[in-house]
Amino acid sequence: MASVLIVDDAAFMRMSIKRMLEANGHTMAGEASNGIEAVERYLDIKPDVVLLDITMPEMNGVEALKRIKILDPEAKVIICTALGQQSMLAQAVEYGATDFIVKPFEVDRLIAAIDKVMDK
């Protein structure tokens, strides 16, 4: 099963995602509330997967993705996006996002995305 770094500026989303992961055999390796913390936490814990919100304060998900991929080109990053953020999603794919999910998402879609990137 995968260890996942959850990055979202909303604490309730991080807790909700943690519950979804744990109910399906995955673990939360750590959490961050913005892109700066995401890069720092990635270096500290080297998770199997990063679940990265695209819209956050201080440093958005696209910039954090770019920095993580510079540090580790093999990083597996799933972008979480809301409807209407297609231009940022396109940038994230360009910078190496492994997959994406659209909020609000069902637990089955989250687990399928994690399983998919772990198989790569």
PDB file of N, CA and C in Angstrom:
ATOM      1  N   MET A   1       0.830  -1.193   0.000  1.00  0.00           N
ATOM      2  CA  MET A   1       0.000   0.000   0.000  1.00  0.00           C
ATOM      3  C   MET A   1       0.873   1.255   0.000  1.00  0.00           C
ATOM      4  N   ALA A   2       0.276   2.373  -0.337  1.00  0.00           N
ATOM      5  CA  ALA A   2       1.036   3.602  -0.537  1.00  0.00           C
ATOM      6  C   ALA A   2       1.052   4.496   0.699  1.00  0.00           C
ATOM      7  N   SER A   3       2.199   5.178   0.872  1.00  0.00           N
ATOM      8  CA  SER A   3       2.281   6.254   1.860  1.00  0.00           C
ATOM      9  C   SER A   3       2.060   7.549   1.081  1.00  0.00           C
ATOM     10  N   VAL A   4       1.151   8.384   1.568  1.00  0.00           N
ATOM     11  CA  VAL A   4       0.694   9.542   0.813  1.00  0.00           C
ATOM     12  C   VAL A   4       0.917  10.830   1.606  1.00  0.00           C
ATOM     13  N   LEU A   5       1.517  11.812   0.951  1.00  0.00           N
ATOM     14  CA  LEU A   5       1.615  13.168   1.497  1.00  0.00           C
ATOM     15  C   LEU A   5       0.386  13.918   1.002  1.00  0.00           C
ATOM     16  N   ILE A   6      -0.442  14.380   1.933  1.00  0.00           N
ATOM     17  CA  ILE A   6      -1.678  15.098   1.593  1.00  0.00           C
ATOM     18  C   ILE A   6      -1.419  16.592   1.711  1.00  0.00           C
ATOM     19  N   VAL A   7      -1.636  17.309   0.610  1.00  0.00           N
ATOM     20  CA  VAL A   7      -1.389  18.748   0.587  1.00  0.00           C
ATOM     21  C   VAL A   7      -2.676  19.464   0.190  1.00  0.00           C
ATOM     22  N   ASP A   8      -3.246  20.195   1.138  1.00  0.00           N
ATOM     23  CA  ASP A   8      -4.472  20.964   0.894  1.00  0.00           C
ATOM     24  C   ASP A   8      -4.537  22.046   1.956  1.00  0.00           C
ATOM     25  N   ASP A   9      -4.979  23.235   1.576  1.00  0.00           N
ATOM     26  CA  ASP A   9      -5.046  24.326   2.544  1.00  0.00           C
ATOM     27  C   ASP A   9      -6.228  24.186   3.493  1.00  0.00           C
ATOM     28  N   ALA A  10      -7.170  23.301   3.195  1.00  0.00           N
ATOM     29  CA  ALA A  10      -8.330  23.091   4.063  1.00  0.00           C
ATOM     30  C   ALA A  10      -8.086  21.887   4.974  1.00  0.00           C
ATOM     31  N   ALA A  11      -8.041  22.137   6.275  1.00  0.00           N
ATOM     32  CA  ALA A  11      -7.787  21.067   7.241  1.00  0.00           C
ATOM     33  C   ALA A  11      -8.843  19.964   7.163  1.00  0.00           C
ATOM     34  N   PHE A  12     -10.107  20.340   6.916  1.00  0.00           N
ATOM     35  CA  PHE A  12     -11.156  19.320   6.844  1.00  0.00           C
ATOM     36  C   PHE A  12     -10.944  18.394   5.654  1.00  0.00           C
ATOM     37  N   MET A  13     -10.381  18.919   4.545  1.00  0.00           N
ATOM     38  CA  MET A  13     -10.097  18.070   3.382  1.00  0.00           C
ATOM     39  C   MET A  13      -8.969  17.099   3.704  1.00  0.00           C
ATOM     40  N   ARG A  14      -7.927  17.586   4.370  1.00  0.00           N
ATOM     41  CA  ARG A  14      -6.820  16.696   4.737  1.00  0.00           C
ATOM     42  C   ARG A  14      -7.320  15.565   5.629  1.00  0.00           C
ATOM     43  N   MET A  15      -8.170  15.885   6.602  1.00  0.00           N
ATOM     44  CA  MET A  15      -8.703  14.865   7.505  1.00  0.00           C
ATOM     45  C   MET A  15      -9.610  13.895   6.751  1.00  0.00           C
ATOM     46  N   SER A  16     -10.432  14.406   5.876  1.00  0.00           N
ATOM     47  CA  SER A  16     -11.331  13.558   5.093  1.00  0.00           C
ATOM     48  C   SER A  16     -10.542  12.599   4.197  1.00  0.00           C
ATOM     49  N   ILE A  17      -9.521  13.121   3.534  1.00  0.00           N
ATOM     50  CA  ILE A  17      -8.691  12.287   2.668  1.00  0.00           C
ATOM     51  C   ILE A  17      -7.942  11.246   3.488  1.00  0.00           C
ATOM     52  N   LYS A  18      -7.451  11.640   4.649  1.00  0.00           N
ATOM     53  CA  LYS A  18      -6.758  10.686   5.528  1.00  0.00           C
ATOM     54  C   LYS A  18      -7.678   9.516   5.861  1.00  0.00           C
ATOM     55  N   ARG A  19      -8.918   9.807   6.209  1.00  0.00           N
ATOM     56  CA  ARG A  19      -9.871   8.746   6.535  1.00  0.00           C
ATOM     57  C   ARG A  19     -10.098   7.827   5.334  1.00  0.00           C
ATOM     58  N   MET A  20     -10.249   8.419   4.144  1.00  0.00           N
ATOM     59  CA  MET A  20     -10.446   7.618   2.929  1.00  0.00           C
ATOM     60  C   MET A  20      -9.258   6.692   2.679  1.00  0.00           C
ATOM     61  N   LEU A  21      -8.054   7.248   2.841  1.00  0.00           N
ATOM     62  CA  LEU A  21      -6.849   6.450   2.614  1.00  0.00           C
ATOM     63  C   LEU A  21      -6.780   5.275   3.582  1.00  0.00           C
ATOM     64  N   GLU A  22      -6.918   5.586   4.860  1.00  0.00           N
ATOM     65  CA  GLU A  22      -6.775   4.560   5.889  1.00  0.00           C
ATOM     66  C   GLU A  22      -7.840   3.479   5.786  1.00  0.00           C
ATOM     67  N   ALA A  23      -9.043   3.850   5.363  1.00  0.00           N
ATOM     68  CA  ALA A  23     -10.117   2.866   5.191  1.00  0.00           C
ATOM     69  C   ALA A  23      -9.833   1.921   4.030  1.00  0.00           C
ATOM     70  N   ASN A  24      -8.886   2.296   3.181  1.00  0.00           N
ATOM     71  CA  ASN A  24      -8.565   1.491   2.009  1.00  0.00           C
ATOM     72  C   ASN A  24      -7.122   0.976   2.020  1.00  0.00           C
ATOM     73  N   GLY A  25      -6.527   0.932   3.211  1.00  0.00           N
ATOM     74  CA  GLY A  25      -5.227   0.298   3.366  1.00  0.00           C
ATOM     75  C   GLY A  25      -4.005   1.154   3.086  1.00  0.00           C
ATOM     76  N   HIS A  26      -4.203   2.420   2.765  1.00  0.00           N
ATOM     77  CA  HIS A  26      -3.074   3.324   2.533  1.00  0.00           C
ATOM     78  C   HIS A  26      -2.793   4.104   3.819  1.00  0.00           C
ATOM     79  N   THR A  27      -1.671   4.804   3.860  1.00  0.00           N
ATOM     80  CA  THR A  27      -1.344   5.595   5.046  1.00  0.00           C
ATOM     81  C   THR A  27      -1.032   7.037   4.665  1.00  0.00           C
ATOM     82  N   MET A  28      -1.336   7.945   5.587  1.00  0.00           N
ATOM     83  CA  MET A  28      -0.952   9.332   5.398  1.00  0.00           C
ATOM     84  C   MET A  28       0.472   9.463   5.939  1.00  0.00           C
ATOM     85  N   ALA A  29       1.410   9.730   5.042  1.00  0.00           N
ATOM     86  CA  ALA A  29       2.813   9.875   5.440  1.00  0.00           C
ATOM     87  C   ALA A  29       3.053  11.221   6.103  1.00  0.00           C
ATOM     88  N   GLY A  30       2.236  12.207   5.749  1.00  0.00           N
ATOM     89  CA  GLY A  30       2.369  13.550   6.285  1.00  0.00           C
ATOM     90  C   GLY A  30       1.349  14.443   5.629  1.00  0.00           C
ATOM     91  N   GLU A  31       1.321  15.695   6.068  1.00  0.00           N
ATOM     92  CA  GLU A  31       0.382  16.651   5.500  1.00  0.00           C
ATOM     93  C   GLU A  31       1.021  18.024   5.447  1.00  0.00           C
ATOM     94  N   ALA A  32       0.490  18.843   4.529  1.00  0.00           N
ATOM     95  CA  ALA A  32       0.959  20.217   4.370  1.00  0.00           C
ATOM     96  C   ALA A  32      -0.227  21.074   3.961  1.00  0.00           C
ATOM     97  N   SER A  33      -0.166  22.369   4.320  1.00  0.00           N
ATOM     98  CA  SER A  33      -1.291  23.259   4.029  1.00  0.00           C
ATOM     99  C   SER A  33      -0.998  24.255   2.912  1.00  0.00           C
ATOM    100  N   ASN A  34       0.218  24.209   2.357  1.00  0.00           N
ATOM    101  CA  ASN A  34       0.537  25.071   1.219  1.00  0.00           C
ATOM    102  C   ASN A  34       1.707  24.451   0.450  1.00  0.00           C
ATOM    103  N   GLY A  35       2.027  25.041  -0.690  1.00  0.00           N
ATOM    104  CA  GLY A  35       3.068  24.486  -1.541  1.00  0.00           C
ATOM    105  C   GLY A  35       4.458  24.512  -0.934  1.00  0.00           C
ATOM    106  N   ILE A  36       4.763  25.542  -0.165  1.00  0.00           N
ATOM    107  CA  ILE A  36       6.082  25.629   0.475  1.00  0.00           C
ATOM    108  C   ILE A  36       6.261  24.459   1.437  1.00  0.00           C
ATOM    109  N   GLU A  37       5.244  24.244   2.280  1.00  0.00           N
ATOM    110  CA  GLU A  37       5.302  23.116   3.210  1.00  0.00           C
ATOM    111  C   GLU A  37       5.368  21.789   2.457  1.00  0.00           C
ATOM    112  N   ALA A  38       4.667  21.702   1.329  1.00  0.00           N
ATOM    113  CA  ALA A  38       4.644  20.463   0.545  1.00  0.00           C
ATOM    114  C   ALA A  38       6.046  20.072   0.098  1.00  0.00           C
ATOM    115  N   VAL A  39       6.802  21.034  -0.415  1.00  0.00           N
ATOM    116  CA  VAL A  39       8.159  20.750  -0.887  1.00  0.00           C
ATOM    117  C   VAL A  39       9.038  20.323   0.288  1.00  0.00           C
ATOM    118  N   GLU A  40       8.943  21.041   1.396  1.00  0.00           N
ATOM    119  CA  GLU A  40       9.739  20.701   2.583  1.00  0.00           C
ATOM    120  C   GLU A  40       9.391  19.314   3.111  1.00  0.00           C
ATOM    121  N   ARG A  41       8.089  19.021   3.220  1.00  0.00           N
ATOM    122  CA  ARG A  41       7.650  17.722   3.737  1.00  0.00           C
ATOM    123  C   ARG A  41       8.045  16.601   2.775  1.00  0.00           C
ATOM    124  N   TYR A  42       7.984  16.856   1.483  1.00  0.00           N
ATOM    125  CA  TYR A  42       8.381  15.829   0.511  1.00  0.00           C
ATOM    126  C   TYR A  42       9.827  15.413   0.747  1.00  0.00           C
ATOM    127  N   LEU A  43      10.676  16.405   0.926  1.00  0.00           N
ATOM    128  CA  LEU A  43      12.092  16.103   1.156  1.00  0.00           C
ATOM    129  C   LEU A  43      12.300  15.324   2.450  1.00  0.00           C
ATOM    130  N   ASP A  44      11.523  15.658   3.472  1.00  0.00           N
ATOM    131  CA  ASP A  44      11.669  15.003   4.776  1.00  0.00           C
ATOM    132  C   ASP A  44      11.197  13.557   4.768  1.00  0.00           C
ATOM    133  N   ILE A  45      10.070  13.285   4.101  1.00  0.00           N
ATOM    134  CA  ILE A  45       9.458  11.965   4.259  1.00  0.00           C
ATOM    135  C   ILE A  45       9.504  11.077   3.024  1.00  0.00           C
ATOM    136  N   LYS A  46       9.758  11.636   1.850  1.00  0.00           N
ATOM    137  CA  LYS A  46       9.813  10.846   0.605  1.00  0.00           C
ATOM    138  C   LYS A  46       8.630   9.876   0.491  1.00  0.00           C
ATOM    139  N   PRO A  47       7.420  10.404   0.393  1.00  0.00           N
ATOM    140  CA  PRO A  47       6.238   9.536   0.301  1.00  0.00           C
ATOM    141  C   PRO A  47       6.193   8.810  -1.047  1.00  0.00           C
ATOM    142  N   ASP A  48       5.362   7.768  -1.113  1.00  0.00           N
ATOM    143  CA  ASP A  48       5.156   7.075  -2.385  1.00  0.00           C
ATOM    144  C   ASP A  48       4.403   7.960  -3.367  1.00  0.00           C
ATOM    145  N   VAL A  49       3.443   8.730  -2.842  1.00  0.00           N
ATOM    146  CA  VAL A  49       2.562   9.551  -3.669  1.00  0.00           C
ATOM    147  C   VAL A  49       2.320  10.883  -2.964  1.00  0.00           C
ATOM    148  N   VAL A  50       2.204  11.944  -3.759  1.00  0.00           N
ATOM    149  CA  VAL A  50       1.785  13.253  -3.247  1.00  0.00           C
ATOM    150  C   VAL A  50       0.411  13.548  -3.819  1.00  0.00           C
ATOM    151  N   LEU A  51      -0.545  13.855  -2.961  1.00  0.00           N
ATOM    152  CA  LEU A  51      -1.866  14.290  -3.370  1.00  0.00           C
ATOM    153  C   LEU A  51      -1.883  15.796  -3.165  1.00  0.00           C
ATOM    154  N   LEU A  52      -1.845  16.558  -4.259  1.00  0.00           N
ATOM    155  CA  LEU A  52      -1.531  17.985  -4.221  1.00  0.00           C
ATOM    156  C   LEU A  52      -2.678  18.844  -4.732  1.00  0.00           C
ATOM    157  N   ASP A  53      -3.249  19.649  -3.850  1.00  0.00           N
ATOM    158  CA  ASP A  53      -4.286  20.607  -4.245  1.00  0.00           C
ATOM    159  C   ASP A  53      -3.648  21.641  -5.154  1.00  0.00           C
ATOM    160  N   ILE A  54      -4.397  22.124  -6.127  1.00  0.00           N
ATOM    161  CA  ILE A  54      -3.819  23.060  -7.091  1.00  0.00           C
ATOM    162  C   ILE A  54      -3.915  24.514  -6.624  1.00  0.00           C
ATOM    163  N   THR A  55      -4.949  24.833  -5.851  1.00  0.00           N
ATOM    164  CA  THR A  55      -5.152  26.217  -5.411  1.00  0.00           C
ATOM    165  C   THR A  55      -4.887  26.322  -3.917  1.00  0.00           C
ATOM    166  N   MET A  56      -3.763  26.984  -3.584  1.00  0.00           N
ATOM    167  CA  MET A  56      -3.374  27.147  -2.178  1.00  0.00           C
ATOM    168  C   MET A  56      -2.679  28.489  -2.007  1.00  0.00           C
ATOM    169  N   PRO A  57      -2.644  28.990  -0.765  1.00  0.00           N
ATOM    170  CA  PRO A  57      -1.911  30.228  -0.501  1.00  0.00           C
ATOM    171  C   PRO A  57      -0.399  30.001  -0.494  1.00  0.00           C
ATOM    172  N   GLU A  58       0.337  31.058  -0.591  1.00  0.00           N
ATOM    173  CA  GLU A  58       1.802  31.109  -0.501  1.00  0.00           C
ATOM    174  C   GLU A  58       2.512  30.511  -1.711  1.00  0.00           C
ATOM    175  N   MET A  59       2.163  29.282  -2.093  1.00  0.00           N
ATOM    176  CA  MET A  59       2.701  28.677  -3.313  1.00  0.00           C
ATOM    177  C   MET A  59       1.643  27.701  -3.810  1.00  0.00           C
ATOM    178  N   ASN A  60       1.192  27.887  -5.051  1.00  0.00           N
ATOM    179  CA  ASN A  60       0.140  27.008  -5.549  1.00  0.00           C
ATOM    180  C   ASN A  60       0.674  25.622  -5.902  1.00  0.00           C
ATOM    181  N   GLY A  61      -0.238  24.724  -6.226  1.00  0.00           N
ATOM    182  CA  GLY A  61       0.126  23.354  -6.501  1.00  0.00           C
ATOM    183  C   GLY A  61       1.003  23.176  -7.730  1.00  0.00           C
ATOM    184  N   VAL A  62       0.806  24.016  -8.750  1.00  0.00           N
ATOM    185  CA  VAL A  62       1.621  23.905  -9.964  1.00  0.00           C
ATOM    186  C   VAL A  62       3.083  24.222  -9.648  1.00  0.00           C
ATOM    187  N   GLU A  63       3.315  25.292  -8.908  1.00  0.00           N
ATOM    188  CA  GLU A  63       4.687  25.658  -8.540  1.00  0.00           C
ATOM    189  C   GLU A  63       5.313  24.604  -7.626  1.00  0.00           C
ATOM    190  N   ALA A  64       4.529  24.097  -6.684  1.00  0.00           N
ATOM    191  CA  ALA A  64       5.048  23.047  -5.797  1.00  0.00           C
ATOM    192  C   ALA A  64       5.392  21.796  -6.600  1.00  0.00           C
ATOM    193  N   LEU A  65       4.550  21.441  -7.551  1.00  0.00           N
ATOM    194  CA  LEU A  65       4.818  20.295  -8.425  1.00  0.00           C
ATOM    195  C   LEU A  65       6.131  20.479  -9.170  1.00  0.00           C
ATOM    196  N   LYS A  66       6.320  21.648  -9.752  1.00  0.00           N
ATOM    197  CA  LYS A  66       7.570  21.928 -10.471  1.00  0.00           C
ATOM    198  C   LYS A  66       8.779  21.716  -9.569  1.00  0.00           C
ATOM    199  N   ARG A  67       8.714  22.236  -8.361  1.00  0.00           N
ATOM    200  CA  ARG A  67       9.850  22.124  -7.435  1.00  0.00           C
ATOM    201  C   ARG A  67      10.086  20.686  -6.976  1.00  0.00           C
ATOM    202  N   ILE A  68       9.007  19.978  -6.711  1.00  0.00           N
ATOM    203  CA  ILE A  68       9.146  18.581  -6.301  1.00  0.00           C
ATOM    204  C   ILE A  68       9.766  17.761  -7.432  1.00  0.00           C
ATOM    205  N   LYS A  69       9.331  17.985  -8.662  1.00  0.00           N
ATOM    206  CA  LYS A  69       9.848  17.221  -9.799  1.00  0.00           C
ATOM    207  C   LYS A  69      11.311  17.568 -10.095  1.00  0.00           C
ATOM    208  N   ILE A  70      11.730  18.786  -9.788  1.00  0.00           N
ATOM    209  CA  ILE A  70      13.151  19.136  -9.927  1.00  0.00           C
ATOM    210  C   ILE A  70      13.966  18.348  -8.902  1.00  0.00           C
ATOM    211  N   LEU A  71      13.457  18.267  -7.679  1.00  0.00           N
ATOM    212  CA  LEU A  71      14.150  17.544  -6.619  1.00  0.00           C
ATOM    213  C   LEU A  71      14.136  16.035  -6.846  1.00  0.00           C
ATOM    214  N   ASP A  72      13.029  15.532  -7.406  1.00  0.00           N
ATOM    215  CA  ASP A  72      12.869  14.099  -7.635  1.00  0.00           C
ATOM    216  C   ASP A  72      12.041  13.887  -8.897  1.00  0.00           C
ATOM    217  N   PRO A  73      12.709  13.718 -10.036  1.00  0.00           N
ATOM    218  CA  PRO A  73      11.973  13.536 -11.297  1.00  0.00           C
ATOM    219  C   PRO A  73      11.043  12.321 -11.298  1.00  0.00           C
ATOM    220  N   GLU A  74      11.268  11.379 -10.391  1.00  0.00           N
ATOM    221  CA  GLU A  74      10.431  10.181 -10.322  1.00  0.00           C
ATOM    222  C   GLU A  74       9.237  10.342  -9.375  1.00  0.00           C
ATOM    223  N   ALA A  75       9.074  11.509  -8.763  1.00  0.00           N
ATOM    224  CA  ALA A  75       7.974  11.738  -7.822  1.00  0.00           C
ATOM    225  C   ALA A  75       6.632  11.460  -8.496  1.00  0.00           C
ATOM    226  N   LYS A  76       5.747  10.810  -7.753  1.00  0.00           N
ATOM    227  CA  LYS A  76       4.405  10.501  -8.238  1.00  0.00           C
ATOM    228  C   LYS A  76       3.444  11.496  -7.593  1.00  0.00           C
ATOM    229  N   VAL A  77       2.892  12.388  -8.418  1.00  0.00           N
ATOM    230  CA  VAL A  77       2.053  13.472  -7.907  1.00  0.00           C
ATOM    231  C   VAL A  77       0.687  13.426  -8.573  1.00  0.00           C
ATOM    232  N   ILE A  78      -0.343  13.365  -7.738  1.00  0.00           N
ATOM    233  CA  ILE A  78      -1.725  13.436  -8.209  1.00  0.00           C
ATOM    234  C   ILE A  78      -2.238  14.827  -7.864  1.00  0.00           C
ATOM    235  N   ILE A  79      -2.705  15.535  -8.865  1.00  0.00           N
ATOM    236  CA  ILE A  79      -3.232  16.889  -8.674  1.00  0.00           C
ATOM    237  C   ILE A  79      -4.726  16.820  -8.362  1.00  0.00           C
ATOM    238  N   CYS A  80      -5.146  17.594  -7.358  1.00  0.00           N
ATOM    239  CA  CYS A  80      -6.566  17.758  -7.040  1.00  0.00           C
ATOM    240  C   CYS A  80      -6.990  19.125  -7.559  1.00  0.00           C
ATOM    241  N   THR A  81      -7.990  19.144  -8.384  1.00  0.00           N
ATOM    242  CA  THR A  81      -8.429  20.388  -8.975  1.00  0.00           C
ATOM    243  C   THR A  81      -9.941  20.529  -8.864  1.00  0.00           C
ATOM    244  N   ALA A  82     -10.408  21.758  -8.889  1.00  0.00           N
ATOM    245  CA  ALA A  82     -11.842  22.016  -8.932  1.00  0.00           C
ATOM    246  C   ALA A  82     -12.230  22.273 -10.383  1.00  0.00           C
ATOM    247  N   LEU A  83     -13.490  22.134 -10.668  1.00  0.00           N
ATOM    248  CA  LEU A  83     -13.958  22.458 -12.012  1.00  0.00           C
ATOM    249  C   LEU A  83     -13.615  23.911 -12.320  1.00  0.00           C
ATOM    250  N   GLY A  84     -13.271  24.197 -13.550  1.00  0.00           N
ATOM    251  CA  GLY A  84     -12.952  25.561 -13.936  1.00  0.00           C
ATOM    252  C   GLY A  84     -11.481  25.906 -13.827  1.00  0.00           C
ATOM    253  N   GLN A  85     -10.631  24.951 -13.496  1.00  0.00           N
ATOM    254  CA  GLN A  85      -9.199  25.210 -13.362  1.00  0.00           C
ATOM    255  C   GLN A  85      -8.399  24.494 -14.460  1.00  0.00           C
ATOM    256  N   GLN A  86      -8.989  24.407 -15.656  1.00  0.00           N
ATOM    257  CA  GLN A  86      -8.362  23.651 -16.728  1.00  0.00           C
ATOM    258  C   GLN A  86      -6.997  24.184 -17.140  1.00  0.00           C
ATOM    259  N   SER A  87      -6.812  25.491 -17.116  1.00  0.00           N
ATOM    260  CA  SER A  87      -5.513  26.028 -17.537  1.00  0.00           C
ATOM    261  C   SER A  87      -4.418  25.636 -16.541  1.00  0.00           C
ATOM    262  N   MET A  88      -4.734  25.679 -15.251  1.00  0.00           N
ATOM    263  CA  MET A  88      -3.741  25.263 -14.258  1.00  0.00           C
ATOM    264  C   MET A  88      -3.507  23.756 -14.333  1.00  0.00           C
ATOM    265  N   LEU A  89      -4.554  23.001 -14.612  1.00  0.00           N
ATOM    266  CA  LEU A  89      -4.414  21.557 -14.749  1.00  0.00           C
ATOM    267  C   LEU A  89      -3.523  21.228 -15.941  1.00  0.00           C
ATOM    268  N   ALA A  90      -3.701  21.938 -17.036  1.00  0.00           N
ATOM    269  CA  ALA A  90      -2.857  21.721 -18.220  1.00  0.00           C
ATOM    270  C   ALA A  90      -1.392  21.990 -17.881  1.00  0.00           C
ATOM    271  N   GLN A  91      -1.124  23.038 -17.118  1.00  0.00           N
ATOM    272  CA  GLN A  91       0.248  23.329 -16.687  1.00  0.00           C
ATOM    273  C   GLN A  91       0.789  22.194 -15.821  1.00  0.00           C
ATOM    274  N   ALA A  92      -0.044  21.687 -14.913  1.00  0.00           N
ATOM    275  CA  ALA A  92       0.392  20.618 -14.018  1.00  0.00           C
ATOM    276  C   ALA A  92       0.770  19.371 -14.810  1.00  0.00           C
ATOM    277  N   VAL A  93      -0.016  19.038 -15.814  1.00  0.00           N
ATOM    278  CA  VAL A  93       0.299  17.878 -16.660  1.00  0.00           C
ATOM    279  C   VAL A  93       1.612  18.125 -17.399  1.00  0.00           C
ATOM    280  N   GLU A  94       1.781  19.344 -17.896  1.00  0.00           N
ATOM    281  CA  GLU A  94       3.020  19.714 -18.592  1.00  0.00           C
ATOM    282  C   GLU A  94       4.244  19.554 -17.687  1.00  0.00           C
ATOM    283  N   TYR A  95       4.096  19.860 -16.412  1.00  0.00           N
ATOM    284  CA  TYR A  95       5.215  19.785 -15.468  1.00  0.00           C
ATOM    285  C   TYR A  95       5.382  18.405 -14.827  1.00  0.00           C
ATOM    286  N   GLY A  96       4.557  17.445 -15.234  1.00  0.00           N
ATOM    287  CA  GLY A  96       4.809  16.083 -14.798  1.00  0.00           C
ATOM    288  C   GLY A  96       3.843  15.470 -13.813  1.00  0.00           C
ATOM    289  N   ALA A  97       2.660  16.046 -13.661  1.00  0.00           N
ATOM    290  CA  ALA A  97       1.667  15.406 -12.794  1.00  0.00           C
ATOM    291  C   ALA A  97       1.386  14.004 -13.338  1.00  0.00           C
ATOM    292  N   THR A  98       1.300  13.039 -12.450  1.00  0.00           N
ATOM    293  CA  THR A  98       1.094  11.657 -12.849  1.00  0.00           C
ATOM    294  C   THR A  98      -0.372  11.378 -13.148  1.00  0.00           C
ATOM    295  N   ASP A  99      -1.267  12.034 -12.423  1.00  0.00           N
ATOM    296  CA  ASP A  99      -2.708  11.870 -12.617  1.00  0.00           C
ATOM    297  C   ASP A  99      -3.386  13.070 -11.979  1.00  0.00           C
ATOM    298  N   PHE A 100      -4.712  13.149 -12.123  1.00  0.00           N
ATOM    299  CA  PHE A 100      -5.460  14.218 -11.474  1.00  0.00           C
ATOM    300  C   PHE A 100      -6.832  13.703 -11.095  1.00  0.00           C
ATOM    301  N   ILE A 101      -7.416  14.341 -10.082  1.00  0.00           N
ATOM    302  CA  ILE A 101      -8.791  14.079  -9.693  1.00  0.00           C
ATOM    303  C   ILE A 101      -9.484  15.421  -9.519  1.00  0.00           C
ATOM    304  N   VAL A 102     -10.784  15.429  -9.779  1.00  0.00           N
ATOM    305  CA  VAL A 102     -11.571  16.662  -9.715  1.00  0.00           C
ATOM    306  C   VAL A 102     -12.430  16.647  -8.455  1.00  0.00           C
ATOM    307  N   LYS A 103     -12.329  17.748  -7.690  1.00  0.00           N
ATOM    308  CA  LYS A 103     -13.147  17.901  -6.484  1.00  0.00           C
ATOM    309  C   LYS A 103     -14.560  18.314  -6.885  1.00  0.00           C
ATOM    310  N   PRO A 104     -15.566  17.876  -6.178  1.00  0.00           N
ATOM    311  CA  PRO A 104     -15.503  16.880  -5.113  1.00  0.00           C
ATOM    312  C   PRO A 104     -15.355  15.488  -5.725  1.00  0.00           C
ATOM    313  N   PHE A 105     -14.571  14.639  -5.089  1.00  0.00           N
ATOM    314  CA  PHE A 105     -14.333  13.315  -5.646  1.00  0.00           C
ATOM    315  C   PHE A 105     -14.838  12.237  -4.699  1.00  0.00           C
ATOM    316  N   GLU A 106     -15.144  11.110  -5.283  1.00  0.00           N
ATOM    317  CA  GLU A 106     -15.578   9.947  -4.516  1.00  0.00           C
ATOM    318  C   GLU A 106     -14.347   9.164  -4.077  1.00  0.00           C
ATOM    319  N   VAL A 107     -14.476   8.415  -3.010  1.00  0.00           N
ATOM    320  CA  VAL A 107     -13.363   7.635  -2.493  1.00  0.00           C
ATOM    321  C   VAL A 107     -12.845   6.659  -3.547  1.00  0.00           C
ATOM    322  N   ASP A 108     -13.742   6.076  -4.337  1.00  0.00           N
ATOM    323  CA  ASP A 108     -13.315   5.119  -5.358  1.00  0.00           C
ATOM    324  C   ASP A 108     -12.375   5.758  -6.374  1.00  0.00           C
ATOM    325  N   ARG A 109     -12.637   7.011  -6.751  1.00  0.00           N
ATOM    326  CA  ARG A 109     -11.788   7.705  -7.719  1.00  0.00           C
ATOM    327  C   ARG A 109     -10.423   7.995  -7.115  1.00  0.00           C
ATOM    328  N   LEU A 110     -10.389   8.393  -5.844  1.00  0.00           N
ATOM    329  CA  LEU A 110      -9.127   8.655  -5.157  1.00  0.00           C
ATOM    330  C   LEU A 110      -8.271   7.393  -5.103  1.00  0.00           C
ATOM    331  N   ILE A 111      -8.863   6.305  -4.678  1.00  0.00           N
ATOM    332  CA  ILE A 111      -8.117   5.044  -4.548  1.00  0.00           C
ATOM    333  C   ILE A 111      -7.668   4.548  -5.927  1.00  0.00           C
ATOM    334  N   ALA A 112      -8.513   4.693  -6.935  1.00  0.00           N
ATOM    335  CA  ALA A 112      -8.132   4.278  -8.295  1.00  0.00           C
ATOM    336  C   ALA A 112      -6.937   5.084  -8.793  1.00  0.00           C
ATOM    337  N   ALA A 113      -6.908   6.380  -8.499  1.00  0.00           N
ATOM    338  CA  ALA A 113      -5.781   7.222  -8.925  1.00  0.00           C
ATOM    339  C   ALA A 113      -4.498   6.796  -8.219  1.00  0.00           C
ATOM    340  N   ILE A 114      -4.575   6.513  -6.935  1.00  0.00           N
ATOM    341  CA  ILE A 114      -3.384   6.078  -6.196  1.00  0.00           C
ATOM    342  C   ILE A 114      -2.900   4.728  -6.729  1.00  0.00           C
ATOM    343  N   ASP A 115      -3.830   3.814  -6.911  1.00  0.00           N
ATOM    344  CA  ASP A 115      -3.441   2.491  -7.453  1.00  0.00           C
ATOM    345  C   ASP A 115      -2.809   2.628  -8.828  1.00  0.00           C
ATOM    346  N   LYS A 116      -3.358   3.505  -9.646  1.00  0.00           N
ATOM    347  CA  LYS A 116      -2.828   3.712 -11.005  1.00  0.00           C
ATOM    348  C   LYS A 116      -1.387   4.230 -10.962  1.00  0.00           C
ATOM    349  N   VAL A 117      -1.124   5.229 -10.161  1.00  0.00           N
ATOM    350  CA  VAL A 117       0.239   5.780 -10.130  1.00  0.00           C
ATOM    351  C   VAL A 117       1.228   4.828  -9.467  1.00  0.00           C
ATOM    352  N   MET A 118       0.755   4.000  -8.552  1.00  0.00           N
ATOM    353  CA  MET A 118       1.645   3.026  -7.917  1.00  0.00           C
ATOM    354  C   MET A 118       2.030   1.911  -8.872  1.00  0.00           C
ATOM    355  N   ASP A 119       1.210   1.669  -9.882  1.00  0.00           N
ATOM    356  CA  ASP A 119       1.507   0.647 -10.876  1.00  0.00           C
ATOM    357  C   ASP A 119       2.498   1.114 -11.919  1.00  0.00           C
ATOM    358  N   LYS A 120       2.762   2.420 -11.973  1.00  0.00           N
ATOM    359  CA  LYS A 120       3.679   2.968 -12.987  1.00  0.00           C
ATOM    360  C   LYS A 120       5.116   2.777 -12.576  1.00  0.00           C
TER     361      LYS A 120
END
